[in-house]
Amino acid sequence: MMYCRVLQLRRLTDAVAVVRFERLGLAFEPGQYIRVSAAGSGEFRDCSIYSGISSDYLELLVRRVENGLVSPQLCDLSPGDPVVIDGPYGHFTLAGEIRSGPLLFVATGTGIAPFHCFVESYQDLDCQLFHGTGICAEAYESAVFGDCYTHCVSRGPGGHFHGRVTDYLRTQDISAETHAFLCGNCDMIYTAFDLLQARGLSDTQIHTEIYF
């Protein structure tokens, strides 16, 4: 574990913020996560790294969960405050030849974080990102994805598709060579996994990271 200082807090919505803090030379693979705690609290939360591998800082995309043990403290940090981090951990990465083939990223809410790290870290990925949120304001700096981003909005106007991200996935043709990466709530992941298997993707082509 190591102590880092907060450099910036960027609020994206009333409930979601990007917390930037010192990297201090931490090595990681895009798609991995770290455990983070407001210094002195003793409680940790697992968070996917949001910033790219070439950045000299680390960023996390954090949603405030009311009565949560960690997220309210992280969302209320100020520059100069200390945090404790541990890691990195995880295998939700674009290993080897996977990176050069067609990629499908499917996310709900702040599950978009590792995909933000992917596109900030690697140039010219052949990817599509389907992102499901409740309202249009929850696109979370999606401009970084360019034309590969499709926003599925289930509870309000706006976005590219009205409905759940799994409803949109049902309408799409998926190449048999695709590697799919699913990140977000477990209901989305279970449904998307079954849909992709039905389209001919094998278990080894479907990679998951569950945000409870």
N, C-alpha and C. Protein backbone atom coordinates (compact mmCIF):
# COMPACT_ATOMS: atom_id res chain seq x y z
N MET A 1 0.85 -1.20 0.00
CA MET A 1 0.00 0.00 0.00
C MET A 1 0.88 1.24 0.00
N MET A 2 0.34 2.34 -0.55
CA MET A 2 1.08 3.59 -0.50
C MET A 2 0.11 4.76 -0.37
N TYR A 3 0.64 5.86 0.17
CA TYR A 3 -0.12 7.09 0.35
C TYR A 3 0.11 8.02 -0.83
N CYS A 4 -0.96 8.62 -1.34
CA CYS A 4 -0.90 9.59 -2.43
C CYS A 4 -1.73 10.81 -2.05
N ARG A 5 -1.41 11.92 -2.66
CA ARG A 5 -2.17 13.14 -2.44
C ARG A 5 -3.13 13.40 -3.59
N VAL A 6 -4.31 13.85 -3.26
CA VAL A 6 -5.29 14.24 -4.28
C VAL A 6 -4.80 15.49 -5.01
N LEU A 7 -4.89 15.46 -6.33
CA LEU A 7 -4.51 16.60 -7.15
C LEU A 7 -5.70 17.41 -7.64
N GLN A 8 -6.81 16.72 -7.87
CA GLN A 8 -7.99 17.39 -8.46
C GLN A 8 -9.21 16.52 -8.24
N LEU A 9 -10.37 17.15 -8.12
CA LEU A 9 -11.64 16.44 -8.12
C LEU A 9 -12.54 17.12 -9.14
N ARG A 10 -13.00 16.35 -10.12
CA ARG A 10 -13.78 16.87 -11.24
C ARG A 10 -15.19 16.28 -11.15
N ARG A 11 -16.17 17.12 -10.88
CA ARG A 11 -17.54 16.62 -10.73
C ARG A 11 -18.22 16.55 -12.10
N LEU A 12 -18.72 15.36 -12.43
CA LEU A 12 -19.40 15.16 -13.70
C LEU A 12 -20.91 15.25 -13.57
N THR A 13 -21.45 14.80 -12.44
CA THR A 13 -22.87 14.95 -12.11
C THR A 13 -22.94 15.19 -10.60
N ASP A 14 -24.14 15.34 -10.10
CA ASP A 14 -24.29 15.51 -8.65
C ASP A 14 -23.75 14.31 -7.88
N ALA A 15 -23.78 13.13 -8.50
CA ALA A 15 -23.41 11.90 -7.78
C ALA A 15 -22.08 11.30 -8.22
N VAL A 16 -21.49 11.78 -9.30
CA VAL A 16 -20.30 11.15 -9.88
C VAL A 16 -19.18 12.17 -10.05
N ALA A 17 -17.97 11.73 -9.67
CA ALA A 17 -16.80 12.60 -9.80
C ALA A 17 -15.60 11.78 -10.28
N VAL A 18 -14.67 12.48 -10.91
CA VAL A 18 -13.37 11.91 -11.24
C VAL A 18 -12.37 12.42 -10.20
N VAL A 19 -11.75 11.49 -9.49
CA VAL A 19 -10.75 11.84 -8.49
C VAL A 19 -9.37 11.59 -9.10
N ARG A 20 -8.55 12.63 -9.15
CA ARG A 20 -7.18 12.53 -9.67
C ARG A 20 -6.20 12.64 -8.50
N PHE A 21 -5.21 11.75 -8.46
CA PHE A 21 -4.21 11.82 -7.41
C PHE A 21 -2.86 11.37 -7.94
N GLU A 22 -1.86 11.52 -7.12
CA GLU A 22 -0.50 11.19 -7.53
C GLU A 22 -0.38 9.73 -7.94
N ARG A 23 0.41 9.48 -8.97
CA ARG A 23 0.65 8.10 -9.42
C ARG A 23 1.86 7.49 -8.71
N LEU A 24 2.86 8.29 -8.47
CA LEU A 24 4.07 7.86 -7.75
C LEU A 24 4.71 6.62 -8.37
N GLY A 25 4.69 6.58 -9.70
CA GLY A 25 5.37 5.50 -10.41
C GLY A 25 4.64 4.18 -10.46
N LEU A 26 3.39 4.11 -10.01
CA LEU A 26 2.67 2.85 -9.99
C LEU A 26 2.52 2.29 -11.40
N ALA A 27 2.94 1.05 -11.61
CA ALA A 27 2.80 0.38 -12.90
C ALA A 27 1.50 -0.42 -12.91
N PHE A 28 0.78 -0.37 -14.04
CA PHE A 28 -0.46 -1.13 -14.17
C PHE A 28 -0.72 -1.44 -15.63
N GLU A 29 -1.58 -2.40 -15.88
CA GLU A 29 -2.06 -2.70 -17.22
C GLU A 29 -3.43 -2.07 -17.39
N PRO A 30 -3.70 -1.41 -18.53
CA PRO A 30 -5.04 -0.86 -18.75
C PRO A 30 -6.11 -1.91 -18.54
N GLY A 31 -7.14 -1.54 -17.76
CA GLY A 31 -8.21 -2.45 -17.42
C GLY A 31 -8.12 -2.98 -16.00
N GLN A 32 -6.96 -2.81 -15.36
CA GLN A 32 -6.84 -3.27 -13.97
C GLN A 32 -7.50 -2.28 -13.00
N TYR A 33 -7.64 -2.72 -11.75
CA TYR A 33 -8.24 -1.88 -10.72
C TYR A 33 -7.31 -1.77 -9.53
N ILE A 34 -7.57 -0.79 -8.69
CA ILE A 34 -6.85 -0.63 -7.44
C ILE A 34 -7.85 -0.58 -6.29
N ARG A 35 -7.35 -0.80 -5.10
CA ARG A 35 -8.15 -0.61 -3.89
C ARG A 35 -7.78 0.75 -3.32
N VAL A 36 -8.78 1.55 -2.96
CA VAL A 36 -8.52 2.92 -2.53
C VAL A 36 -9.32 3.23 -1.27
N SER A 37 -8.72 4.07 -0.42
CA SER A 37 -9.36 4.47 0.83
C SER A 37 -8.97 5.90 1.14
N ALA A 38 -9.91 6.68 1.65
CA ALA A 38 -9.55 7.97 2.23
C ALA A 38 -8.68 7.69 3.46
N ALA A 39 -7.52 8.32 3.52
CA ALA A 39 -6.56 8.01 4.58
C ALA A 39 -7.20 8.13 5.96
N GLY A 40 -6.98 7.10 6.77
CA GLY A 40 -7.50 7.10 8.13
C GLY A 40 -8.83 6.41 8.30
N SER A 41 -9.53 6.10 7.19
CA SER A 41 -10.86 5.50 7.32
C SER A 41 -10.79 4.00 7.59
N GLY A 42 -9.78 3.34 7.03
CA GLY A 42 -9.66 1.90 7.19
C GLY A 42 -10.55 1.08 6.28
N GLU A 43 -11.42 1.73 5.51
CA GLU A 43 -12.32 1.04 4.58
C GLU A 43 -11.84 1.27 3.14
N PHE A 44 -11.83 0.19 2.35
CA PHE A 44 -11.34 0.26 0.98
C PHE A 44 -12.45 -0.07 -0.01
N ARG A 45 -12.29 0.49 -1.21
CA ARG A 45 -13.20 0.17 -2.31
C ARG A 45 -12.37 -0.17 -3.53
N ASP A 46 -12.80 -1.17 -4.30
CA ASP A 46 -12.15 -1.52 -5.55
C ASP A 46 -12.65 -0.59 -6.65
N CYS A 47 -11.73 0.03 -7.40
CA CYS A 47 -12.10 0.95 -8.48
C CYS A 47 -11.22 0.71 -9.69
N SER A 48 -11.82 0.57 -10.87
CA SER A 48 -11.05 0.49 -12.10
C SER A 48 -10.32 1.80 -12.36
N ILE A 49 -9.12 1.70 -12.89
CA ILE A 49 -8.35 2.90 -13.23
C ILE A 49 -8.97 3.53 -14.47
N TYR A 50 -9.22 4.83 -14.39
CA TYR A 50 -9.91 5.60 -15.43
C TYR A 50 -8.93 6.26 -16.39
N SER A 51 -7.79 6.68 -15.88
CA SER A 51 -6.80 7.40 -16.68
C SER A 51 -5.94 6.45 -17.51
N GLY A 52 -5.29 6.99 -18.54
CA GLY A 52 -4.47 6.19 -19.43
C GLY A 52 -3.11 5.83 -18.84
N ILE A 53 -2.48 4.87 -19.47
CA ILE A 53 -1.23 4.34 -18.95
C ILE A 53 -0.08 5.33 -19.07
N SER A 54 -0.19 6.30 -19.95
CA SER A 54 0.90 7.27 -20.13
C SER A 54 0.77 8.50 -19.22
N SER A 55 -0.33 8.63 -18.53
CA SER A 55 -0.53 9.79 -17.66
C SER A 55 0.38 9.70 -16.44
N ASP A 56 0.83 10.85 -15.94
CA ASP A 56 1.68 10.85 -14.75
C ASP A 56 0.87 10.97 -13.47
N TYR A 57 -0.44 10.76 -13.57
CA TYR A 57 -1.35 10.74 -12.43
C TYR A 57 -2.28 9.55 -12.58
N LEU A 58 -3.04 9.25 -11.54
CA LEU A 58 -4.09 8.23 -11.58
C LEU A 58 -5.44 8.91 -11.41
N GLU A 59 -6.44 8.42 -12.15
CA GLU A 59 -7.80 8.90 -11.98
C GLU A 59 -8.75 7.73 -11.78
N LEU A 60 -9.76 7.96 -10.94
CA LEU A 60 -10.83 7.01 -10.70
C LEU A 60 -12.16 7.69 -10.95
N LEU A 61 -13.12 6.96 -11.49
CA LEU A 61 -14.48 7.44 -11.70
C LEU A 61 -15.33 6.88 -10.57
N VAL A 62 -15.84 7.76 -9.72
CA VAL A 62 -16.49 7.32 -8.48
C VAL A 62 -17.92 7.83 -8.41
N ARG A 63 -18.84 6.92 -8.13
CA ARG A 63 -20.23 7.29 -7.88
C ARG A 63 -20.50 7.27 -6.38
N ARG A 64 -21.09 8.36 -5.89
CA ARG A 64 -21.45 8.43 -4.48
C ARG A 64 -22.63 7.49 -4.20
N VAL A 65 -22.41 6.57 -3.28
CA VAL A 65 -23.48 5.69 -2.81
C VAL A 65 -23.86 6.17 -1.41
N GLU A 66 -25.07 6.66 -1.27
CA GLU A 66 -25.50 7.17 0.03
C GLU A 66 -25.42 6.06 1.08
N ASN A 67 -24.87 6.41 2.22
CA ASN A 67 -24.62 5.46 3.31
C ASN A 67 -23.53 4.45 2.98
N GLY A 68 -22.80 4.68 1.88
CA GLY A 68 -21.66 3.83 1.54
C GLY A 68 -20.51 4.05 2.51
N LEU A 69 -19.64 3.07 2.62
CA LEU A 69 -18.53 3.16 3.55
C LEU A 69 -17.35 3.95 3.00
N VAL A 70 -17.24 4.04 1.65
CA VAL A 70 -16.06 4.66 1.05
C VAL A 70 -16.42 5.77 0.06
N SER A 71 -17.39 5.53 -0.83
CA SER A 71 -17.62 6.45 -1.93
C SER A 71 -17.98 7.87 -1.49
N PRO A 72 -18.77 8.10 -0.43
CA PRO A 72 -19.03 9.48 -0.03
C PRO A 72 -17.75 10.22 0.38
N GLN A 73 -16.84 9.52 1.05
CA GLN A 73 -15.59 10.15 1.44
C GLN A 73 -14.74 10.49 0.21
N LEU A 74 -14.69 9.58 -0.78
CA LEU A 74 -13.90 9.84 -1.98
C LEU A 74 -14.47 11.02 -2.76
N CYS A 75 -15.80 11.10 -2.83
CA CYS A 75 -16.43 12.18 -3.60
C CYS A 75 -16.30 13.54 -2.91
N ASP A 76 -15.94 13.56 -1.63
CA ASP A 76 -15.81 14.82 -0.89
C ASP A 76 -14.35 15.21 -0.65
N LEU A 77 -13.41 14.51 -1.30
CA LEU A 77 -12.00 14.86 -1.14
C LEU A 77 -11.69 16.20 -1.78
N SER A 78 -10.61 16.81 -1.31
CA SER A 78 -10.12 18.09 -1.85
C SER A 78 -8.65 17.95 -2.20
N PRO A 79 -8.13 18.79 -3.11
CA PRO A 79 -6.70 18.75 -3.43
C PRO A 79 -5.85 18.83 -2.16
N GLY A 80 -4.87 17.94 -2.10
CA GLY A 80 -3.99 17.87 -0.94
C GLY A 80 -4.36 16.80 0.05
N ASP A 81 -5.60 16.32 0.00
CA ASP A 81 -6.01 15.26 0.92
C ASP A 81 -5.28 13.96 0.59
N PRO A 82 -4.96 13.15 1.60
CA PRO A 82 -4.28 11.87 1.36
C PRO A 82 -5.27 10.74 1.10
N VAL A 83 -4.88 9.84 0.21
CA VAL A 83 -5.60 8.59 0.01
C VAL A 83 -4.59 7.45 0.10
N VAL A 84 -5.10 6.27 0.42
CA VAL A 84 -4.28 5.07 0.46
C VAL A 84 -4.70 4.17 -0.69
N ILE A 85 -3.73 3.66 -1.46
CA ILE A 85 -4.06 2.77 -2.57
C ILE A 85 -3.27 1.48 -2.45
N ASP A 86 -3.84 0.43 -3.02
CA ASP A 86 -3.20 -0.88 -3.01
C ASP A 86 -3.49 -1.53 -4.36
N GLY A 87 -2.51 -2.21 -4.91
CA GLY A 87 -2.70 -2.87 -6.19
C GLY A 87 -1.58 -2.52 -7.15
N PRO A 88 -1.81 -2.74 -8.44
CA PRO A 88 -3.08 -3.06 -9.10
C PRO A 88 -3.43 -4.55 -9.07
N TYR A 89 -4.69 -4.80 -9.41
CA TYR A 89 -5.21 -6.16 -9.46
C TYR A 89 -6.03 -6.35 -10.74
N GLY A 90 -6.29 -7.62 -11.07
CA GLY A 90 -7.25 -7.92 -12.12
C GLY A 90 -6.64 -8.34 -13.45
N HIS A 91 -7.50 -9.02 -14.25
CA HIS A 91 -7.09 -9.54 -15.56
C HIS A 91 -8.04 -9.08 -16.66
N PHE A 92 -8.74 -7.98 -16.44
CA PHE A 92 -9.68 -7.45 -17.43
C PHE A 92 -8.89 -6.55 -18.39
N THR A 93 -8.00 -7.18 -19.16
CA THR A 93 -7.02 -6.45 -19.96
C THR A 93 -7.05 -6.92 -21.41
N LEU A 94 -6.50 -6.09 -22.29
CA LEU A 94 -6.42 -6.41 -23.72
C LEU A 94 -5.09 -7.12 -23.98
N ALA A 95 -5.02 -8.39 -23.62
CA ALA A 95 -3.77 -9.14 -23.68
C ALA A 95 -3.46 -9.60 -25.10
N GLY A 96 -2.18 -9.51 -25.47
CA GLY A 96 -1.68 -10.09 -26.70
C GLY A 96 -2.43 -9.71 -27.94
N GLU A 97 -2.78 -10.73 -28.75
CA GLU A 97 -3.40 -10.49 -30.05
C GLU A 97 -4.83 -10.01 -29.94
N ILE A 98 -5.44 -10.10 -28.76
CA ILE A 98 -6.82 -9.61 -28.59
C ILE A 98 -6.91 -8.14 -29.00
N ARG A 99 -5.87 -7.36 -28.69
CA ARG A 99 -5.90 -5.92 -28.92
C ARG A 99 -6.02 -5.57 -30.40
N SER A 100 -5.56 -6.45 -31.29
CA SER A 100 -5.55 -6.12 -32.72
C SER A 100 -6.82 -6.54 -33.45
N GLY A 101 -7.71 -7.28 -32.79
CA GLY A 101 -8.92 -7.74 -33.44
C GLY A 101 -10.12 -6.87 -33.14
N PRO A 102 -11.29 -7.24 -33.65
CA PRO A 102 -12.50 -6.47 -33.35
C PRO A 102 -12.88 -6.62 -31.88
N LEU A 103 -13.26 -5.50 -31.26
CA LEU A 103 -13.56 -5.45 -29.84
C LEU A 103 -14.94 -4.84 -29.63
N LEU A 104 -15.69 -5.41 -28.71
CA LEU A 104 -16.97 -4.85 -28.28
C LEU A 104 -16.90 -4.59 -26.78
N PHE A 105 -17.13 -3.33 -26.39
CA PHE A 105 -17.16 -2.95 -24.98
C PHE A 105 -18.62 -2.64 -24.62
N VAL A 106 -19.11 -3.25 -23.55
CA VAL A 106 -20.47 -3.00 -23.08
C VAL A 106 -20.39 -2.61 -21.61
N ALA A 107 -20.96 -1.44 -21.27
CA ALA A 107 -20.86 -0.92 -19.91
C ALA A 107 -22.20 -0.40 -19.43
N THR A 108 -22.38 -0.44 -18.11
CA THR A 108 -23.46 0.32 -17.48
C THR A 108 -22.84 1.28 -16.49
N GLY A 109 -23.37 2.51 -16.44
CA GLY A 109 -22.94 3.50 -15.46
C GLY A 109 -21.46 3.73 -15.44
N THR A 110 -20.88 3.72 -14.23
CA THR A 110 -19.44 3.98 -14.09
C THR A 110 -18.60 2.78 -14.52
N GLY A 111 -19.24 1.70 -14.97
CA GLY A 111 -18.51 0.60 -15.58
C GLY A 111 -17.81 0.98 -16.86
N ILE A 112 -18.00 2.20 -17.30
CA ILE A 112 -17.28 2.72 -18.47
C ILE A 112 -15.81 2.99 -18.16
N ALA A 113 -15.43 3.03 -16.88
CA ALA A 113 -14.09 3.45 -16.48
C ALA A 113 -12.96 2.68 -17.15
N PRO A 114 -12.94 1.34 -17.15
CA PRO A 114 -11.81 0.66 -17.78
C PRO A 114 -11.73 0.88 -19.27
N PHE A 115 -12.87 1.13 -19.92
CA PHE A 115 -12.86 1.38 -21.36
C PHE A 115 -12.27 2.76 -21.66
N HIS A 116 -12.51 3.72 -20.78
CA HIS A 116 -11.86 5.02 -20.89
C HIS A 116 -10.35 4.84 -20.81
N CYS A 117 -9.90 4.00 -19.88
CA CYS A 117 -8.47 3.71 -19.76
C CYS A 117 -7.94 3.04 -21.03
N PHE A 118 -8.70 2.10 -21.60
CA PHE A 118 -8.26 1.44 -22.84
C PHE A 118 -8.00 2.44 -23.95
N VAL A 119 -8.97 3.31 -24.23
CA VAL A 119 -8.82 4.20 -25.39
C VAL A 119 -7.82 5.31 -25.12
N GLU A 120 -7.59 5.66 -23.86
CA GLU A 120 -6.55 6.62 -23.53
C GLU A 120 -5.16 6.00 -23.63
N SER A 121 -5.09 4.68 -23.53
CA SER A 121 -3.80 3.99 -23.50
C SER A 121 -3.36 3.45 -24.85
N TYR A 122 -4.31 3.05 -25.69
CA TYR A 122 -4.00 2.39 -26.96
C TYR A 122 -4.58 3.18 -28.12
N GLN A 123 -3.80 3.32 -29.17
CA GLN A 123 -4.24 4.02 -30.37
C GLN A 123 -4.88 3.04 -31.35
N ASP A 124 -5.88 3.53 -32.09
CA ASP A 124 -6.43 2.81 -33.24
C ASP A 124 -7.04 1.45 -32.89
N LEU A 125 -7.70 1.36 -31.74
CA LEU A 125 -8.44 0.14 -31.43
C LEU A 125 -9.64 -0.01 -32.38
N ASP A 126 -9.89 -1.22 -32.81
CA ASP A 126 -11.07 -1.52 -33.62
C ASP A 126 -12.19 -1.90 -32.65
N CYS A 127 -12.89 -0.89 -32.14
CA CYS A 127 -13.82 -1.15 -31.05
C CYS A 127 -15.14 -0.42 -31.23
N GLN A 128 -16.16 -0.96 -30.57
CA GLN A 128 -17.44 -0.30 -30.39
C GLN A 128 -17.76 -0.33 -28.91
N LEU A 129 -18.32 0.77 -28.39
CA LEU A 129 -18.70 0.83 -26.99
C LEU A 129 -20.19 1.13 -26.89
N PHE A 130 -20.93 0.23 -26.23
CA PHE A 130 -22.34 0.44 -25.94
C PHE A 130 -22.43 0.74 -24.44
N HIS A 131 -22.98 1.91 -24.10
CA HIS A 131 -22.99 2.37 -22.71
C HIS A 131 -24.42 2.62 -22.27
N GLY A 132 -24.86 1.91 -21.23
CA GLY A 132 -26.20 2.08 -20.72
C GLY A 132 -26.24 2.90 -19.44
N THR A 133 -27.09 3.93 -19.42
CA THR A 133 -27.29 4.76 -18.23
C THR A 133 -28.77 5.11 -18.10
N GLY A 134 -29.13 5.65 -16.94
CA GLY A 134 -30.51 6.04 -16.74
C GLY A 134 -30.87 7.31 -17.48
N ILE A 135 -29.98 8.32 -17.42
CA ILE A 135 -30.26 9.62 -18.03
C ILE A 135 -29.11 10.05 -18.91
N CYS A 136 -29.38 11.01 -19.80
CA CYS A 136 -28.39 11.42 -20.79
C CYS A 136 -27.16 12.07 -20.16
N ALA A 137 -27.34 12.74 -19.02
CA ALA A 137 -26.23 13.44 -18.36
C ALA A 137 -25.16 12.50 -17.84
N GLU A 138 -25.42 11.19 -17.86
CA GLU A 138 -24.48 10.22 -17.33
C GLU A 138 -23.56 9.63 -18.40
N ALA A 139 -23.26 10.41 -19.44
CA ALA A 139 -22.36 9.93 -20.50
C ALA A 139 -20.89 9.95 -20.08
N TYR A 140 -20.53 10.71 -19.03
CA TYR A 140 -19.21 10.66 -18.41
C TYR A 140 -18.04 10.83 -19.40
N GLU A 141 -17.88 12.05 -19.93
CA GLU A 141 -16.73 12.40 -20.77
C GLU A 141 -16.58 11.45 -21.96
N SER A 142 -17.70 11.09 -22.57
CA SER A 142 -17.70 10.11 -23.65
C SER A 142 -17.08 10.62 -24.94
N ALA A 143 -16.80 11.91 -25.05
CA ALA A 143 -16.20 12.44 -26.28
C ALA A 143 -14.87 11.75 -26.61
N VAL A 144 -14.19 11.23 -25.59
CA VAL A 144 -12.91 10.57 -25.82
C VAL A 144 -13.07 9.34 -26.72
N PHE A 145 -14.27 8.76 -26.78
CA PHE A 145 -14.49 7.55 -27.57
C PHE A 145 -14.82 7.84 -29.03
N GLY A 146 -15.15 9.07 -29.35
CA GLY A 146 -15.46 9.42 -30.72
C GLY A 146 -16.67 8.68 -31.26
N ASP A 147 -16.60 8.28 -32.53
CA ASP A 147 -17.74 7.67 -33.21
C ASP A 147 -18.02 6.25 -32.75
N CYS A 148 -17.14 5.65 -31.96
CA CYS A 148 -17.38 4.26 -31.55
C CYS A 148 -18.34 4.18 -30.37
N TYR A 149 -18.81 5.33 -29.85
CA TYR A 149 -19.64 5.35 -28.64
C TYR A 149 -21.12 5.40 -28.98
N THR A 150 -21.90 4.49 -28.38
CA THR A 150 -23.36 4.50 -28.49
C THR A 150 -23.94 4.58 -27.09
N HIS A 151 -24.75 5.62 -26.83
CA HIS A 151 -25.31 5.86 -25.51
C HIS A 151 -26.75 5.37 -25.48
N CYS A 152 -27.01 4.41 -24.61
CA CYS A 152 -28.35 3.85 -24.45
C CYS A 152 -28.95 4.41 -23.16
N VAL A 153 -30.02 5.18 -23.28
CA VAL A 153 -30.61 5.89 -22.14
C VAL A 153 -31.98 5.27 -21.85
N SER A 154 -32.16 4.80 -20.61
CA SER A 154 -33.37 4.04 -20.30
C SER A 154 -34.48 4.83 -19.62
N ARG A 155 -34.14 6.01 -19.00
CA ARG A 155 -35.18 6.68 -18.21
C ARG A 155 -35.37 8.15 -18.58
N GLY A 156 -35.00 8.54 -19.75
CA GLY A 156 -35.17 9.93 -20.10
C GLY A 156 -34.85 10.15 -21.56
N PRO A 157 -34.98 11.41 -22.03
CA PRO A 157 -34.68 11.72 -23.42
C PRO A 157 -33.18 11.79 -23.69
N GLY A 158 -32.83 11.81 -24.97
CA GLY A 158 -31.45 11.97 -25.36
C GLY A 158 -30.76 10.64 -25.60
N GLY A 159 -29.48 10.73 -25.90
CA GLY A 159 -28.70 9.55 -26.22
C GLY A 159 -28.93 9.11 -27.65
N HIS A 160 -28.40 7.94 -27.98
CA HIS A 160 -28.53 7.39 -29.33
C HIS A 160 -29.64 6.34 -29.42
N PHE A 161 -30.00 5.75 -28.28
CA PHE A 161 -30.98 4.68 -28.25
C PHE A 161 -31.76 4.78 -26.96
N HIS A 162 -33.09 4.68 -27.05
CA HIS A 162 -33.91 4.72 -25.84
C HIS A 162 -34.20 3.30 -25.39
N GLY A 163 -33.65 2.93 -24.25
CA GLY A 163 -33.83 1.59 -23.71
C GLY A 163 -32.56 1.11 -23.06
N ARG A 164 -32.61 -0.11 -22.58
CA ARG A 164 -31.45 -0.69 -21.91
C ARG A 164 -30.36 -1.05 -22.92
N VAL A 165 -29.14 -1.09 -22.44
CA VAL A 165 -28.03 -1.42 -23.32
C VAL A 165 -28.16 -2.84 -23.86
N THR A 166 -28.74 -3.75 -23.08
CA THR A 166 -28.95 -5.11 -23.58
C THR A 166 -30.01 -5.16 -24.68
N ASP A 167 -30.99 -4.25 -24.63
CA ASP A 167 -31.96 -4.17 -25.72
C ASP A 167 -31.27 -3.75 -27.01
N TYR A 168 -30.35 -2.80 -26.90
CA TYR A 168 -29.61 -2.37 -28.09
C TYR A 168 -28.72 -3.49 -28.60
N LEU A 169 -28.07 -4.20 -27.69
CA LEU A 169 -27.20 -5.30 -28.09
C LEU A 169 -27.96 -6.33 -28.91
N ARG A 170 -29.22 -6.57 -28.57
CA ARG A 170 -30.04 -7.55 -29.30
C ARG A 170 -30.21 -7.16 -30.77
N THR A 171 -30.11 -5.89 -31.10
CA THR A 171 -30.33 -5.42 -32.47
C THR A 171 -29.07 -5.47 -33.33
N GLN A 172 -27.93 -5.82 -32.74
CA GLN A 172 -26.66 -5.67 -33.44
C GLN A 172 -26.11 -7.00 -33.96
N ASP A 173 -25.48 -6.93 -35.14
CA ASP A 173 -24.74 -8.07 -35.66
C ASP A 173 -23.34 -8.05 -35.06
N ILE A 174 -22.91 -9.17 -34.53
CA ILE A 174 -21.61 -9.27 -33.87
C ILE A 174 -20.74 -10.25 -34.65
N SER A 175 -19.57 -9.79 -35.09
CA SER A 175 -18.65 -10.65 -35.81
C SER A 175 -18.19 -11.80 -34.93
N ALA A 176 -18.03 -12.98 -35.53
CA ALA A 176 -17.60 -14.16 -34.78
C ALA A 176 -16.19 -14.03 -34.26
N GLU A 177 -15.40 -13.09 -34.77
CA GLU A 177 -14.03 -12.89 -34.32
C GLU A 177 -13.93 -11.90 -33.15
N THR A 178 -15.05 -11.34 -32.75
CA THR A 178 -15.05 -10.29 -31.73
C THR A 178 -14.69 -10.84 -30.35
N HIS A 179 -13.92 -10.03 -29.60
CA HIS A 179 -13.76 -10.24 -28.17
C HIS A 179 -14.61 -9.18 -27.48
N ALA A 180 -15.49 -9.62 -26.60
CA ALA A 180 -16.40 -8.71 -25.90
C ALA A 180 -15.97 -8.54 -24.46
N PHE A 181 -16.00 -7.30 -24.00
CA PHE A 181 -15.65 -6.95 -22.62
C PHE A 181 -16.87 -6.30 -21.98
N LEU A 182 -17.36 -6.88 -20.89
CA LEU A 182 -18.57 -6.43 -20.23
C LEU A 182 -18.22 -5.92 -18.84
N CYS A 183 -18.65 -4.69 -18.53
CA CYS A 183 -18.33 -4.11 -17.23
C CYS A 183 -19.52 -3.33 -16.71
N GLY A 184 -19.99 -3.68 -15.52
CA GLY A 184 -21.11 -2.96 -14.94
C GLY A 184 -21.88 -3.85 -13.98
N ASN A 185 -23.20 -3.62 -13.90
CA ASN A 185 -23.99 -4.38 -12.93
C ASN A 185 -24.19 -5.83 -13.40
N CYS A 186 -24.40 -6.70 -12.43
CA CYS A 186 -24.42 -8.13 -12.73
C CYS A 186 -25.58 -8.52 -13.63
N ASP A 187 -26.73 -7.87 -13.52
CA ASP A 187 -27.87 -8.22 -14.38
C ASP A 187 -27.53 -7.99 -15.85
N MET A 188 -26.90 -6.85 -16.14
CA MET A 188 -26.49 -6.58 -17.52
C MET A 188 -25.51 -7.64 -18.00
N ILE A 189 -24.53 -7.96 -17.17
CA ILE A 189 -23.49 -8.89 -17.59
C ILE A 189 -24.07 -10.28 -17.87
N TYR A 190 -24.95 -10.78 -17.00
CA TYR A 190 -25.53 -12.10 -17.23
C TYR A 190 -26.34 -12.12 -18.53
N THR A 191 -27.13 -11.07 -18.75
CA THR A 191 -27.95 -11.02 -19.96
C THR A 191 -27.09 -10.89 -21.21
N ALA A 192 -26.11 -9.98 -21.17
CA ALA A 192 -25.24 -9.78 -22.34
C ALA A 192 -24.42 -11.02 -22.63
N PHE A 193 -23.95 -11.69 -21.61
CA PHE A 193 -23.17 -12.92 -21.80
C PHE A 193 -23.99 -13.95 -22.58
N ASP A 194 -25.24 -14.15 -22.18
CA ASP A 194 -26.10 -15.12 -22.86
C ASP A 194 -26.37 -14.69 -24.31
N LEU A 195 -26.60 -13.40 -24.52
CA LEU A 195 -26.85 -12.91 -25.87
C LEU A 195 -25.65 -13.14 -26.78
N LEU A 196 -24.46 -12.89 -26.25
CA LEU A 196 -23.25 -13.04 -27.06
C LEU A 196 -22.94 -14.51 -27.34
N GLN A 197 -23.19 -15.37 -26.36
CA GLN A 197 -23.04 -16.80 -26.60
C GLN A 197 -23.99 -17.27 -27.70
N ALA A 198 -25.21 -16.74 -27.69
CA ALA A 198 -26.19 -17.12 -28.71
C ALA A 198 -25.77 -16.65 -30.09
N ARG A 199 -24.93 -15.59 -30.16
CA ARG A 199 -24.41 -15.10 -31.45
C ARG A 199 -23.16 -15.86 -31.89
N GLY A 200 -22.72 -16.84 -31.09
CA GLY A 200 -21.60 -17.67 -31.51
C GLY A 200 -20.28 -17.38 -30.84
N LEU A 201 -20.22 -16.41 -29.92
CA LEU A 201 -18.98 -16.14 -29.22
C LEU A 201 -18.76 -17.20 -28.14
N SER A 202 -17.53 -17.65 -28.01
CA SER A 202 -17.20 -18.66 -27.01
C SER A 202 -16.95 -17.99 -25.66
N ASP A 203 -16.90 -18.81 -24.61
CA ASP A 203 -16.62 -18.28 -23.28
C ASP A 203 -15.30 -17.53 -23.24
N THR A 204 -14.31 -17.99 -23.99
CA THR A 204 -12.99 -17.35 -23.96
C THR A 204 -12.98 -16.02 -24.69
N GLN A 205 -14.04 -15.71 -25.43
CA GLN A 205 -14.13 -14.43 -26.14
C GLN A 205 -14.94 -13.40 -25.35
N ILE A 206 -15.48 -13.77 -24.20
CA ILE A 206 -16.31 -12.87 -23.41
C ILE A 206 -15.64 -12.65 -22.06
N HIS A 207 -15.29 -11.41 -21.78
CA HIS A 207 -14.53 -11.05 -20.58
C HIS A 207 -15.40 -10.15 -19.72
N THR A 208 -15.43 -10.41 -18.41
CA THR A 208 -16.38 -9.70 -17.55
C THR A 208 -15.70 -9.09 -16.33
N GLU A 209 -16.26 -7.96 -15.90
CA GLU A 209 -15.86 -7.28 -14.67
C GLU A 209 -17.14 -6.74 -14.03
N ILE A 210 -17.54 -7.32 -12.91
CA ILE A 210 -18.83 -6.99 -12.32
C ILE A 210 -18.68 -5.85 -11.30
N TYR A 211 -19.51 -4.79 -11.47
CA TYR A 211 -19.64 -3.73 -10.49
C TYR A 211 -20.96 -3.99 -9.76
N PHE A 212 -20.92 -4.37 -8.51
CA PHE A 212 -22.14 -4.69 -7.78
C PHE A 212 -22.92 -3.42 -7.46
